[in-house]
Amino acid sequence: MNRILKNFVSDGVKNCKVLVVGDVMLDKYYFGEVTRISPEAPVPINHVTKVKETLGGAANVAHNLSLLGCKTSLIAQIGKENHGDVFLSKLKNCGVDGSKILHADKPTTTKIRVISGHQQMLRLDFEDTTEISGNDSEIFLSNVYENLKNVDAVIISDYGKGICTYEICRKIIDKCRELKKIVTVDPKGNDWIKYNGANFITPNLKEFNEVLTKKISNVDSEVEKSARKVIDEFNLSGLVVTRSAEGLTLIYGEKVSHIRARAQEVFDVSGAGDTVIAVFTLALAGGLESELAAYLANVAAGVVVAKVGTYAVSNDELLTALEKV
């Protein structure tokens, strides 16, 4: 199995083309240290020593794909301000085609975190979650349709920021089914009817519980039983439920695979879901069976959770991780 996966990561990914659609964001981190209290107000002064900017949301999914060697395009919406310029610059630097990204008269979703040592002191959010509509929605869908003929798979990355409306999701999934393109979804909220007919949905356990009438525990049997009901209800091919330290569970047809996470010194799940859907979909696009795709996604997630903060796994890192399993 590892030989097949290594060959795919080494060579097969280069032949895959994946389109990512969804909510994007810019993550900014100000790292520093606090040594005194402000004379202006009873608040700590953080002396900033390092600034870091990373791509978040659907852009992190695209970043993962591109780092692995996949030909990646991203369709999303950003603002016309400085945050949008920074976003596009970082996207270009990581090799993702963002030529069809829309510019709107609202802010680029941006999360600014102020950190002292290992403690987050403050987070500032810039966002407008008004749903895309009217002419913008039509242009958005037109750009997606134009790209569909040139890709092997589509990922819908829903972060609830206004892009993944019922209309957008339904039309993209229906078009993918018509063209026999793989379409996977990273969901948000409990309105999964808009994802009806997707090949796979990849929720974490918290997201999975949001769509269930009765919450379940992180136990194999409960996850499997509930997953089969959800697959039937929403006309899916299968589900991949990420379960934090328990790894992930794949349910596909009559098959079920509980794939355990490897023990890590650091266990930070930030961005792990982005990595899972990116690698899982990439593997499906490359012709791998769902079990192998899920196994590879779990290995990649193991690399990511061993890092602090949002992180995109590279091709070399994934190959190294495969050597160790």
C-alpha atoms as a PDB file:
ATOM      1  CA  MET A   1       0.000   0.000   0.000  1.00  0.00           C
ATOM      2  CA  ASN A   2       2.732   2.466   0.943  1.00  0.00           C
ATOM      3  CA  ARG A   3       4.478   1.855  -2.378  1.00  0.00           C
ATOM      4  CA  ILE A   4       1.316   2.851  -4.261  1.00  0.00           C
ATOM      5  CA  LEU A   5       0.919   5.959  -2.129  1.00  0.00           C
ATOM      6  CA  LYS A   6       4.577   6.966  -2.464  1.00  0.00           C
ATOM      7  CA  ASN A   7       4.412   6.611  -6.237  1.00  0.00           C
ATOM      8  CA  PHE A   8       1.272   8.723  -6.316  1.00  0.00           C
ATOM      9  CA  VAL A   9       2.750  11.473  -4.119  1.00  0.00           C
ATOM     10  CA  SER A  10       6.023  11.426  -6.095  1.00  0.00           C
ATOM     11  CA  ASP A  11       4.544  11.472  -9.593  1.00  0.00           C
ATOM     12  CA  GLY A  12       0.770  11.061  -9.766  1.00  0.00           C
ATOM     13  CA  VAL A  13      -0.179  14.363  -8.116  1.00  0.00           C
ATOM     14  CA  LYS A  14       1.445  16.296 -10.954  1.00  0.00           C
ATOM     15  CA  ASN A  15      -1.219  15.057 -13.357  1.00  0.00           C
ATOM     16  CA  CYS A  16      -4.170  16.102 -11.170  1.00  0.00           C
ATOM     17  CA  LYS A  17      -6.175  19.292 -11.537  1.00  0.00           C
ATOM     18  CA  VAL A  18      -8.421  20.437  -8.694  1.00  0.00           C
ATOM     19  CA  LEU A  19     -10.684  23.476  -8.384  1.00  0.00           C
ATOM     20  CA  VAL A  20     -11.360  24.877  -4.906  1.00  0.00           C
ATOM     21  CA  VAL A  21     -14.475  26.998  -4.338  1.00  0.00           C
ATOM     22  CA  GLY A  22     -15.492  28.703  -1.116  1.00  0.00           C
ATOM     23  CA  ASP A  23     -14.813  31.164   1.673  1.00  0.00           C
ATOM     24  CA  VAL A  24     -11.260  32.450   1.933  1.00  0.00           C
ATOM     25  CA  MET A  25      -9.499  34.408   4.631  1.00  0.00           C
ATOM     26  CA  LEU A  26      -6.183  35.911   5.604  1.00  0.00           C
ATOM     27  CA  ASP A  27      -4.708  34.895   8.962  1.00  0.00           C
ATOM     28  CA  LYS A  28      -2.304  37.401  10.520  1.00  0.00           C
ATOM     29  CA  TYR A  29      -0.276  36.722  13.657  1.00  0.00           C
ATOM     30  CA  TYR A  30       1.572  39.295  15.766  1.00  0.00           C
ATOM     31  CA  PHE A  31       4.028  37.515  18.065  1.00  0.00           C
ATOM     32  CA  GLY A  32       5.700  39.316  20.930  1.00  0.00           C
ATOM     33  CA  GLU A  33       6.207  39.524  24.660  1.00  0.00           C
ATOM     34  CA  VAL A  34       4.581  41.450  27.478  1.00  0.00           C
ATOM     35  CA  THR A  35       6.855  43.055  30.048  1.00  0.00           C
ATOM     36  CA  ARG A  36       4.800  46.003  31.303  1.00  0.00           C
ATOM     37  CA  ILE A  37       1.344  47.555  31.610  1.00  0.00           C
ATOM     38  CA  SER A  38       0.336  50.585  29.533  1.00  0.00           C
ATOM     39  CA  PRO A  39       0.307  53.954  31.359  1.00  0.00           C
ATOM     40  CA  GLU A  40      -2.698  54.933  29.210  1.00  0.00           C
ATOM     41  CA  ALA A  41      -5.005  52.142  30.416  1.00  0.00           C
ATOM     42  CA  PRO A  42      -4.756  48.956  32.550  1.00  0.00           C
ATOM     43  CA  VAL A  43      -3.802  46.784  29.552  1.00  0.00           C
ATOM     44  CA  PRO A  44      -0.618  44.846  28.752  1.00  0.00           C
ATOM     45  CA  ILE A  45       1.784  46.180  26.126  1.00  0.00           C
ATOM     46  CA  ASN A  46       2.868  43.518  23.650  1.00  0.00           C
ATOM     47  CA  HIS A  47       6.259  44.284  22.117  1.00  0.00           C
ATOM     48  CA  VAL A  48       5.863  42.713  18.670  1.00  0.00           C
ATOM     49  CA  THR A  49       8.929  40.791  17.505  1.00  0.00           C
ATOM     50  CA  LYS A  50       7.496  38.770  14.617  1.00  0.00           C
ATOM     51  CA  VAL A  51       4.616  39.041  12.127  1.00  0.00           C
ATOM     52  CA  LYS A  52       3.254  36.072  10.189  1.00  0.00           C
ATOM     53  CA  GLU A  53       0.602  36.006   7.447  1.00  0.00           C
ATOM     54  CA  THR A  54      -0.981  32.798   6.147  1.00  0.00           C
ATOM     55  CA  LEU A  55      -3.809  31.796   3.827  1.00  0.00           C
ATOM     56  CA  GLY A  56      -6.906  30.477   5.575  1.00  0.00           C
ATOM     57  CA  GLY A  57     -10.211  28.811   4.793  1.00  0.00           C
ATOM     58  CA  ALA A  58     -10.599  27.593   1.206  1.00  0.00           C
ATOM     59  CA  ALA A  59      -7.266  29.260   0.416  1.00  0.00           C
ATOM     60  CA  ASN A  60      -5.515  26.941   2.875  1.00  0.00           C
ATOM     61  CA  VAL A  61      -7.098  23.981   1.062  1.00  0.00           C
ATOM     62  CA  ALA A  62      -5.716  25.340  -2.218  1.00  0.00           C
ATOM     63  CA  HIS A  63      -2.326  25.965  -0.604  1.00  0.00           C
ATOM     64  CA  ASN A  64      -2.131  22.319   0.528  1.00  0.00           C
ATOM     65  CA  LEU A  65      -2.961  21.088  -2.968  1.00  0.00           C
ATOM     66  CA  SER A  66      -0.413  23.337  -4.641  1.00  0.00           C
ATOM     67  CA  LEU A  67       2.401  22.415  -2.215  1.00  0.00           C
ATOM     68  CA  LEU A  68       1.772  18.759  -3.017  1.00  0.00           C
ATOM     69  CA  GLY A  69       2.294  19.467  -6.722  1.00  0.00           C
ATOM     70  CA  CYS A  70      -1.321  19.527  -7.904  1.00  0.00           C
ATOM     71  CA  LYS A  71      -2.438  22.038 -10.538  1.00  0.00           C
ATOM     72  CA  THR A  72      -4.769  24.141  -8.392  1.00  0.00           C
ATOM     73  CA  SER A  73      -7.245  26.933  -9.096  1.00  0.00           C
ATOM     74  CA  LEU A  74      -9.316  28.889  -6.578  1.00  0.00           C
ATOM     75  CA  ILE A  75     -12.566  30.781  -7.066  1.00  0.00           C
ATOM     76  CA  ALA A  76     -13.619  32.979  -4.165  1.00  0.00           C
ATOM     77  CA  GLN A  77     -14.369  36.591  -3.243  1.00  0.00           C
ATOM     78  CA  ILE A  78     -12.135  39.135  -1.516  1.00  0.00           C
ATOM     79  CA  GLY A  79     -12.190  42.861  -0.780  1.00  0.00           C
ATOM     80  CA  LYS A  80     -10.450  45.682  -2.593  1.00  0.00           C
ATOM     81  CA  GLU A  81      -8.340  46.812   0.365  1.00  0.00           C
ATOM     82  CA  ASN A  82      -4.798  46.074   1.524  1.00  0.00           C
ATOM     83  CA  HIS A  83      -5.767  42.716   3.043  1.00  0.00           C
ATOM     84  CA  GLY A  84      -7.025  41.628  -0.382  1.00  0.00           C
ATOM     85  CA  ASP A  85      -3.751  42.677  -2.014  1.00  0.00           C
ATOM     86  CA  VAL A  86      -1.743  40.731   0.563  1.00  0.00           C
ATOM     87  CA  PHE A  87      -4.007  37.722   0.044  1.00  0.00           C
ATOM     88  CA  LEU A  88      -3.495  37.714  -3.746  1.00  0.00           C
ATOM     89  CA  SER A  89       0.260  38.128  -3.364  1.00  0.00           C
ATOM     90  CA  LYS A  90       0.526  35.125  -1.047  1.00  0.00           C
ATOM     91  CA  LEU A  91      -1.752  33.077  -3.305  1.00  0.00           C
ATOM     92  CA  LYS A  92       0.436  33.831  -6.318  1.00  0.00           C
ATOM     93  CA  ASN A  93       3.590  32.946  -4.373  1.00  0.00           C
ATOM     94  CA  CYS A  94       2.243  29.473  -3.564  1.00  0.00           C
ATOM     95  CA  GLY A  95       1.384  28.740  -7.203  1.00  0.00           C
ATOM     96  CA  VAL A  96      -2.415  28.774  -7.059  1.00  0.00           C
ATOM     97  CA  ASP A  97      -4.361  30.199 -10.003  1.00  0.00           C
ATOM     98  CA  GLY A  98      -6.557  32.951  -8.552  1.00  0.00           C
ATOM     99  CA  SER A  99      -7.355  34.713 -11.822  1.00  0.00           C
ATOM    100  CA  LYS A 100     -11.114  34.167 -11.409  1.00  0.00           C
ATOM    101  CA  ILE A 101     -11.373  35.517  -7.862  1.00  0.00           C
ATOM    102  CA  LEU A 102     -14.012  38.244  -7.513  1.00  0.00           C
ATOM    103  CA  HIS A 103     -13.397  41.615  -5.847  1.00  0.00           C
ATOM    104  CA  ALA A 104     -16.264  42.993  -3.763  1.00  0.00           C
ATOM    105  CA  ASP A 105     -17.058  46.172  -1.872  1.00  0.00           C
ATOM    106  CA  LYS A 106     -16.663  44.452   1.472  1.00  0.00           C
ATOM    107  CA  PRO A 107     -13.630  43.462   3.534  1.00  0.00           C
ATOM    108  CA  THR A 108     -11.458  40.472   2.870  1.00  0.00           C
ATOM    109  CA  THR A 109     -12.185  38.120   5.767  1.00  0.00           C
ATOM    110  CA  THR A 110      -9.149  38.616   7.997  1.00  0.00           C
ATOM    111  CA  LYS A 111      -8.330  37.285  11.448  1.00  0.00           C
ATOM    112  CA  ILE A 112      -5.617  39.104  13.370  1.00  0.00           C
ATOM    113  CA  ARG A 113      -4.210  37.365  16.427  1.00  0.00           C
ATOM    114  CA  VAL A 114      -1.961  39.013  19.020  1.00  0.00           C
ATOM    115  CA  ILE A 115       0.165  36.455  20.831  1.00  0.00           C
ATOM    116  CA  SER A 116       2.505  36.783  23.807  1.00  0.00           C
ATOM    117  CA  GLY A 117       4.717  33.756  24.322  1.00  0.00           C
ATOM    118  CA  HIS A 118       2.307  30.870  23.702  1.00  0.00           C
ATOM    119  CA  GLN A 119      -0.771  32.763  24.907  1.00  0.00           C
ATOM    120  CA  GLN A 120      -3.234  34.413  22.540  1.00  0.00           C
ATOM    121  CA  MET A 121      -4.141  37.796  24.003  1.00  0.00           C
ATOM    122  CA  LEU A 122      -6.568  39.156  21.430  1.00  0.00           C
ATOM    123  CA  ARG A 123      -8.201  38.371  18.084  1.00  0.00           C
ATOM    124  CA  LEU A 124      -9.555  40.984  15.683  1.00  0.00           C
ATOM    125  CA  ASP A 125     -11.929  39.872  12.919  1.00  0.00           C
ATOM    126  CA  PHE A 126     -12.614  41.843   9.755  1.00  0.00           C
ATOM    127  CA  GLU A 127     -15.531  40.317   7.857  1.00  0.00           C
ATOM    128  CA  ASP A 128     -18.918  40.793   6.235  1.00  0.00           C
ATOM    129  CA  THR A 129     -20.817  37.504   5.953  1.00  0.00           C
ATOM    130  CA  THR A 130     -23.593  38.841   3.717  1.00  0.00           C
ATOM    131  CA  GLU A 131     -24.420  36.125   1.172  1.00  0.00           C
ATOM    132  CA  ILE A 132     -23.239  36.615  -2.387  1.00  0.00           C
ATOM    133  CA  SER A 133     -26.204  37.332  -4.656  1.00  0.00           C
ATOM    134  CA  GLY A 134     -27.446  38.948  -7.872  1.00  0.00           C
ATOM    135  CA  ASN A 135     -24.899  39.709 -10.567  1.00  0.00           C
ATOM    136  CA  ASP A 136     -21.959  38.720  -8.350  1.00  0.00           C
ATOM    137  CA  SER A 137     -23.471  35.259  -7.859  1.00  0.00           C
ATOM    138  CA  GLU A 138     -24.023  34.856 -11.607  1.00  0.00           C
ATOM    139  CA  ILE A 139     -20.442  35.847 -12.417  1.00  0.00           C
ATOM    140  CA  PHE A 140     -19.157  33.550  -9.693  1.00  0.00           C
ATOM    141  CA  LEU A 141     -21.042  30.535 -11.087  1.00  0.00           C
ATOM    142  CA  SER A 142     -20.020  31.410 -14.645  1.00  0.00           C
ATOM    143  CA  ASN A 143     -16.355  31.361 -13.570  1.00  0.00           C
ATOM    144  CA  VAL A 144     -16.866  27.975 -11.897  1.00  0.00           C
ATOM    145  CA  TYR A 145     -18.570  26.467 -14.957  1.00  0.00           C
ATOM    146  CA  GLU A 146     -15.780  27.760 -17.184  1.00  0.00           C
ATOM    147  CA  ASN A 147     -13.169  26.013 -15.036  1.00  0.00           C
ATOM    148  CA  LEU A 148     -15.032  22.724 -14.585  1.00  0.00           C
ATOM    149  CA  LYS A 149     -14.147  21.336 -17.992  1.00  0.00           C
ATOM    150  CA  ASN A 150     -10.436  21.588 -17.165  1.00  0.00           C
ATOM    151  CA  VAL A 151     -10.353  19.888 -13.740  1.00  0.00           C
ATOM    152  CA  ASP A 152     -10.644  16.378 -12.300  1.00  0.00           C
ATOM    153  CA  ALA A 153     -12.359  17.349  -9.053  1.00  0.00           C
ATOM    154  CA  VAL A 154     -13.970  20.215  -7.171  1.00  0.00           C
ATOM    155  CA  ILE A 155     -13.742  21.015  -3.461  1.00  0.00           C
ATOM    156  CA  ILE A 156     -16.411  23.196  -1.851  1.00  0.00           C
ATOM    157  CA  SER A 157     -14.925  24.696   1.314  1.00  0.00           C
ATOM    158  CA  ASP A 158     -17.743  26.231   3.359  1.00  0.00           C
ATOM    159  CA  TYR A 159     -16.735  28.478   6.263  1.00  0.00           C
ATOM    160  CA  GLY A 160     -20.083  30.245   6.543  1.00  0.00           C
ATOM    161  CA  LYS A 161     -18.763  33.577   5.279  1.00  0.00           C
ATOM    162  CA  GLY A 162     -21.333  34.090   2.509  1.00  0.00           C
ATOM    163  CA  ILE A 163     -20.014  32.317  -0.574  1.00  0.00           C
ATOM    164  CA  CYS A 164     -21.423  28.806  -0.166  1.00  0.00           C
ATOM    165  CA  THR A 165     -25.095  29.707  -0.476  1.00  0.00           C
ATOM    166  CA  TYR A 166     -27.797  27.161  -1.215  1.00  0.00           C
ATOM    167  CA  GLU A 167     -27.882  28.274  -4.857  1.00  0.00           C
ATOM    168  CA  ILE A 168     -24.103  28.193  -5.330  1.00  0.00           C
ATOM    169  CA  CYS A 169     -23.677  24.747  -3.771  1.00  0.00           C
ATOM    170  CA  ARG A 170     -26.664  23.194  -5.518  1.00  0.00           C
ATOM    171  CA  LYS A 171     -25.697  24.448  -8.968  1.00  0.00           C
ATOM    172  CA  ILE A 172     -22.048  23.441  -8.619  1.00  0.00           C
ATOM    173  CA  ILE A 173     -22.883  19.942  -7.353  1.00  0.00           C
ATOM    174  CA  ASP A 174     -25.543  19.400 -10.032  1.00  0.00           C
ATOM    175  CA  LYS A 175     -23.117  20.527 -12.742  1.00  0.00           C
ATOM    176  CA  CYS A 176     -20.377  18.260 -11.395  1.00  0.00           C
ATOM    177  CA  ARG A 177     -22.750  15.293 -11.466  1.00  0.00           C
ATOM    178  CA  GLU A 178     -23.740  16.161 -15.027  1.00  0.00           C
ATOM    179  CA  LEU A 179     -20.097  16.307 -16.101  1.00  0.00           C
ATOM    180  CA  LYS A 180     -19.143  13.296 -13.943  1.00  0.00           C
ATOM    181  CA  LYS A 181     -16.634  15.323 -11.923  1.00  0.00           C
ATOM    182  CA  ILE A 182     -15.726  14.404  -8.352  1.00  0.00           C
ATOM    183  CA  VAL A 183     -17.094  16.941  -5.854  1.00  0.00           C
ATOM    184  CA  THR A 184     -16.330  16.954  -2.130  1.00  0.00           C
ATOM    185  CA  VAL A 185     -17.517  19.312   0.605  1.00  0.00           C
ATOM    186  CA  ASP A 186     -16.080  20.591   3.874  1.00  0.00           C
ATOM    187  CA  PRO A 187     -19.383  21.578   5.558  1.00  0.00           C
ATOM    188  CA  LYS A 188     -20.579  24.323   7.857  1.00  0.00           C
ATOM    189  CA  GLY A 189     -23.775  24.463   9.928  1.00  0.00           C
ATOM    190  CA  ASN A 190     -26.744  22.100   9.848  1.00  0.00           C
ATOM    191  CA  ASP A 191     -28.165  22.954   6.407  1.00  0.00           C
ATOM    192  CA  TRP A 192     -26.694  19.974   4.572  1.00  0.00           C
ATOM    193  CA  ILE A 193     -29.525  19.817   2.035  1.00  0.00           C
ATOM    194  CA  LYS A 194     -27.485  22.257  -0.043  1.00  0.00           C
ATOM    195  CA  TYR A 195     -24.766  19.575  -0.277  1.00  0.00           C
ATOM    196  CA  ASN A 196     -27.199  16.884  -1.466  1.00  0.00           C
ATOM    197  CA  GLY A 197     -25.644  14.630  -4.103  1.00  0.00           C
ATOM    198  CA  ALA A 198     -21.977  15.409  -3.381  1.00  0.00           C
ATOM    199  CA  ASN A 199     -19.560  12.494  -3.624  1.00  0.00           C
ATOM    200  CA  PHE A 200     -18.130  12.958  -0.127  1.00  0.00           C
ATOM    201  CA  ILE A 201     -18.583  15.340   2.793  1.00  0.00           C
ATOM    202  CA  THR A 202     -15.713  15.595   5.287  1.00  0.00           C
ATOM    203  CA  PRO A 203     -17.000  16.961   8.638  1.00  0.00           C
ATOM    204  CA  ASN A 204     -15.178  16.852  11.938  1.00  0.00           C
ATOM    205  CA  LEU A 205     -17.123  15.279  14.796  1.00  0.00           C
ATOM    206  CA  LYS A 206     -18.478  18.632  16.021  1.00  0.00           C
ATOM    207  CA  GLU A 207     -19.734  19.516  12.529  1.00  0.00           C
ATOM    208  CA  PHE A 208     -21.170  16.021  12.122  1.00  0.00           C
ATOM    209  CA  ASN A 209     -23.123  16.344  15.371  1.00  0.00           C
ATOM    210  CA  GLU A 210     -24.685  19.592  14.152  1.00  0.00           C
ATOM    211  CA  VAL A 211     -26.599  17.749  11.433  1.00  0.00           C
ATOM    212  CA  LEU A 212     -27.745  14.878  13.683  1.00  0.00           C
ATOM    213  CA  THR A 213     -30.993  14.869  15.657  1.00  0.00           C
ATOM    214  CA  LYS A 214     -29.200  13.175  18.546  1.00  0.00           C
ATOM    215  CA  LYS A 215     -25.563  13.913  19.366  1.00  0.00           C
ATOM    216  CA  ILE A 216     -23.099  11.025  19.386  1.00  0.00           C
ATOM    217  CA  SER A 217     -19.854  10.297  21.210  1.00  0.00           C
ATOM    218  CA  ASN A 218     -16.479   9.791  19.568  1.00  0.00           C
ATOM    219  CA  VAL A 219     -17.003   6.020  19.362  1.00  0.00           C
ATOM    220  CA  ASP A 220     -16.577   3.876  16.227  1.00  0.00           C
ATOM    221  CA  SER A 221     -19.986   2.215  16.322  1.00  0.00           C
ATOM    222  CA  GLU A 222     -21.898   5.453  16.903  1.00  0.00           C
ATOM    223  CA  VAL A 223     -20.057   7.295  14.131  1.00  0.00           C
ATOM    224  CA  GLU A 224     -20.632   4.453  11.662  1.00  0.00           C
ATOM    225  CA  LYS A 225     -24.337   4.070  12.443  1.00  0.00           C
ATOM    226  CA  SER A 226     -25.082   7.798  12.179  1.00  0.00           C
ATOM    227  CA  ALA A 227     -22.960   8.184   9.059  1.00  0.00           C
ATOM    228  CA  ARG A 228     -24.962   5.599   7.137  1.00  0.00           C
ATOM    229  CA  LYS A 229     -28.180   7.475   7.928  1.00  0.00           C
ATOM    230  CA  VAL A 230     -26.693  10.775   6.779  1.00  0.00           C
ATOM    231  CA  ILE A 231     -25.367   9.218   3.561  1.00  0.00           C
ATOM    232  CA  ASP A 232     -28.859   7.989   2.704  1.00  0.00           C
ATOM    233  CA  GLU A 233     -30.555  11.238   3.729  1.00  0.00           C
ATOM    234  CA  PHE A 234     -28.359  13.453   1.573  1.00  0.00           C
ATOM    235  CA  ASN A 235     -27.733  11.087  -1.354  1.00  0.00           C
ATOM    236  CA  LEU A 236     -23.971  10.932  -0.825  1.00  0.00           C
ATOM    237  CA  SER A 237     -21.425   8.415  -2.047  1.00  0.00           C
ATOM    238  CA  GLY A 238     -19.747   8.468   1.352  1.00  0.00           C
ATOM    239  CA  LEU A 239     -18.514  10.363   4.388  1.00  0.00           C
ATOM    240  CA  VAL A 240     -15.123  11.029   5.945  1.00  0.00           C
ATOM    241  CA  VAL A 241     -15.523  12.016   9.609  1.00  0.00           C
ATOM    242  CA  THR A 242     -12.389  13.462  11.193  1.00  0.00           C
ATOM    243  CA  ARG A 243     -12.254  12.576  14.876  1.00  0.00           C
ATOM    244  CA  SER A 244      -9.317  14.496  16.358  1.00  0.00           C
ATOM    245  CA  ALA A 245      -7.047  12.139  18.374  1.00  0.00           C
ATOM    246  CA  GLU A 246      -9.103   9.121  17.201  1.00  0.00           C
ATOM    247  CA  GLY A 247      -8.101   9.681  13.586  1.00  0.00           C
ATOM    248  CA  LEU A 248     -10.792   9.498  10.927  1.00  0.00           C
ATOM    249  CA  THR A 249     -13.579   7.211   9.745  1.00  0.00           C
ATOM    250  CA  LEU A 250     -14.444   6.528   6.113  1.00  0.00           C
ATOM    251  CA  ILE A 251     -17.869   5.147   5.228  1.00  0.00           C
ATOM    252  CA  TYR A 252     -18.329   4.314   1.560  1.00  0.00           C
ATOM    253  CA  GLY A 253     -21.010   1.898   0.359  1.00  0.00           C
ATOM    254  CA  GLU A 254     -20.772  -1.217   2.491  1.00  0.00           C
ATOM    255  CA  LYS A 255     -17.209  -0.393   3.489  1.00  0.00           C
ATOM    256  CA  VAL A 256     -16.099   1.246   6.712  1.00  0.00           C
ATOM    257  CA  SER A 257     -12.534   2.093   7.723  1.00  0.00           C
ATOM    258  CA  HIS A 258     -11.516   3.472  11.115  1.00  0.00           C
ATOM    259  CA  ILE A 259      -8.040   4.913  10.556  1.00  0.00           C
ATOM    260  CA  ARG A 260      -6.212   5.841  13.751  1.00  0.00           C
ATOM    261  CA  ALA A 261      -4.189   9.014  14.268  1.00  0.00           C
ATOM    262  CA  ARG A 262      -0.537   8.633  15.127  1.00  0.00           C
ATOM    263  CA  ALA A 263       0.587   9.956  18.527  1.00  0.00           C
ATOM    264  CA  GLN A 264       2.081  13.448  18.279  1.00  0.00           C
ATOM    265  CA  GLU A 265       4.138  15.607  20.633  1.00  0.00           C
ATOM    266  CA  VAL A 266       2.022  18.589  19.585  1.00  0.00           C
ATOM    267  CA  PHE A 267      -1.653  18.141  18.779  1.00  0.00           C
ATOM    268  CA  ASP A 268      -3.056  21.299  17.183  1.00  0.00           C
ATOM    269  CA  VAL A 269      -5.991  20.568  14.861  1.00  0.00           C
ATOM    270  CA  SER A 270      -5.974  24.068  13.306  1.00  0.00           C
ATOM    271  CA  GLY A 271      -6.305  23.607   9.551  1.00  0.00           C
ATOM    272  CA  ALA A 272      -6.234  19.807   9.757  1.00  0.00           C
ATOM    273  CA  GLY A 273      -9.675  19.581   8.150  1.00  0.00           C
ATOM    274  CA  ASP A 274      -8.395  21.618   5.195  1.00  0.00           C
ATOM    275  CA  THR A 275      -5.529  19.174   4.763  1.00  0.00           C
ATOM    276  CA  VAL A 276      -7.810  16.133   4.979  1.00  0.00           C
ATOM    277  CA  ILE A 277     -10.209  17.286   2.265  1.00  0.00           C
ATOM    278  CA  ALA A 278      -7.343  18.502   0.068  1.00  0.00           C
ATOM    279  CA  VAL A 279      -5.374  15.247   0.189  1.00  0.00           C
ATOM    280  CA  PHE A 280      -8.427  12.972   0.125  1.00  0.00           C
ATOM    281  CA  THR A 281      -9.883  14.714  -2.946  1.00  0.00           C
ATOM    282  CA  LEU A 282      -6.503  14.879  -4.664  1.00  0.00           C
ATOM    283  CA  ALA A 283      -6.074  11.133  -4.229  1.00  0.00           C
ATOM    284  CA  LEU A 284      -9.561  10.447  -5.611  1.00  0.00           C
ATOM    285  CA  ALA A 285      -8.804  12.728  -8.564  1.00  0.00           C
ATOM    286  CA  GLY A 286      -5.669  10.669  -9.168  1.00  0.00           C
ATOM    287  CA  GLY A 287      -7.679   7.465  -9.360  1.00  0.00           C
ATOM    288  CA  LEU A 288      -6.902   5.997  -5.932  1.00  0.00           C
ATOM    289  CA  GLU A 289      -9.588   4.003  -4.136  1.00  0.00           C
ATOM    290  CA  SER A 290     -11.357   5.757  -1.269  1.00  0.00           C
ATOM    291  CA  GLU A 291      -9.639   3.656   1.433  1.00  0.00           C
ATOM    292  CA  LEU A 292      -6.185   4.591   0.152  1.00  0.00           C
ATOM    293  CA  ALA A 293      -7.257   8.206  -0.237  1.00  0.00           C
ATOM    294  CA  ALA A 294      -8.490   8.307   3.378  1.00  0.00           C
ATOM    295  CA  TYR A 295      -5.326   6.643   4.653  1.00  0.00           C
ATOM    296  CA  LEU A 296      -3.140   9.184   2.830  1.00  0.00           C
ATOM    297  CA  ALA A 297      -5.267  12.057   4.148  1.00  0.00           C
ATOM    298  CA  ASN A 298      -4.815  10.762   7.698  1.00  0.00           C
ATOM    299  CA  VAL A 299      -1.030  10.603   7.277  1.00  0.00           C
ATOM    300  CA  ALA A 300      -1.013  14.177   5.954  1.00  0.00           C
ATOM    301  CA  ALA A 301      -3.189  15.356   8.859  1.00  0.00           C
ATOM    302  CA  GLY A 302      -0.659  13.784  11.225  1.00  0.00           C
ATOM    303  CA  VAL A 303       2.000  16.106   9.832  1.00  0.00           C
ATOM    304  CA  VAL A 304      -0.227  19.159  10.254  1.00  0.00           C
ATOM    305  CA  VAL A 305      -1.364  18.525  13.841  1.00  0.00           C
ATOM    306  CA  ALA A 306       2.277  18.261  14.891  1.00  0.00           C
ATOM    307  CA  LYS A 307       2.667  21.960  13.970  1.00  0.00           C
ATOM    308  CA  VAL A 308       1.341  25.007  15.800  1.00  0.00           C
ATOM    309  CA  GLY A 309      -1.289  27.024  13.924  1.00  0.00           C
ATOM    310  CA  THR A 310      -2.574  26.695  10.363  1.00  0.00           C
ATOM    311  CA  TYR A 311      -0.091  24.738   8.265  1.00  0.00           C
ATOM    312  CA  ALA A 312       0.031  23.359   4.713  1.00  0.00           C
ATOM    313  CA  VAL A 313       1.861  20.064   4.209  1.00  0.00           C
ATOM    314  CA  SER A 314       4.437  19.813   1.431  1.00  0.00           C
ATOM    315  CA  ASN A 315       5.121  16.961  -0.967  1.00  0.00           C
ATOM    316  CA  ASP A 316       8.457  16.137   0.688  1.00  0.00           C
ATOM    317  CA  GLU A 317       6.930  16.153   4.180  1.00  0.00           C
ATOM    318  CA  LEU A 318       4.196  13.752   3.101  1.00  0.00           C
ATOM    319  CA  LEU A 319       6.722  11.387   1.539  1.00  0.00           C
ATOM    320  CA  THR A 320       8.813  11.475   4.731  1.00  0.00           C
ATOM    321  CA  ALA A 321       5.711  10.752   6.829  1.00  0.00           C
ATOM    322  CA  LEU A 322       4.879   7.754   4.616  1.00  0.00           C
ATOM    323  CA  GLU A 323       8.351   6.373   5.274  1.00  0.00           C
ATOM    324  CA  LYS A 324       7.571   6.312   9.007  1.00  0.00           C
ATOM    325  CA  VAL A 325       4.259   4.426   8.884  1.00  0.00           C
END
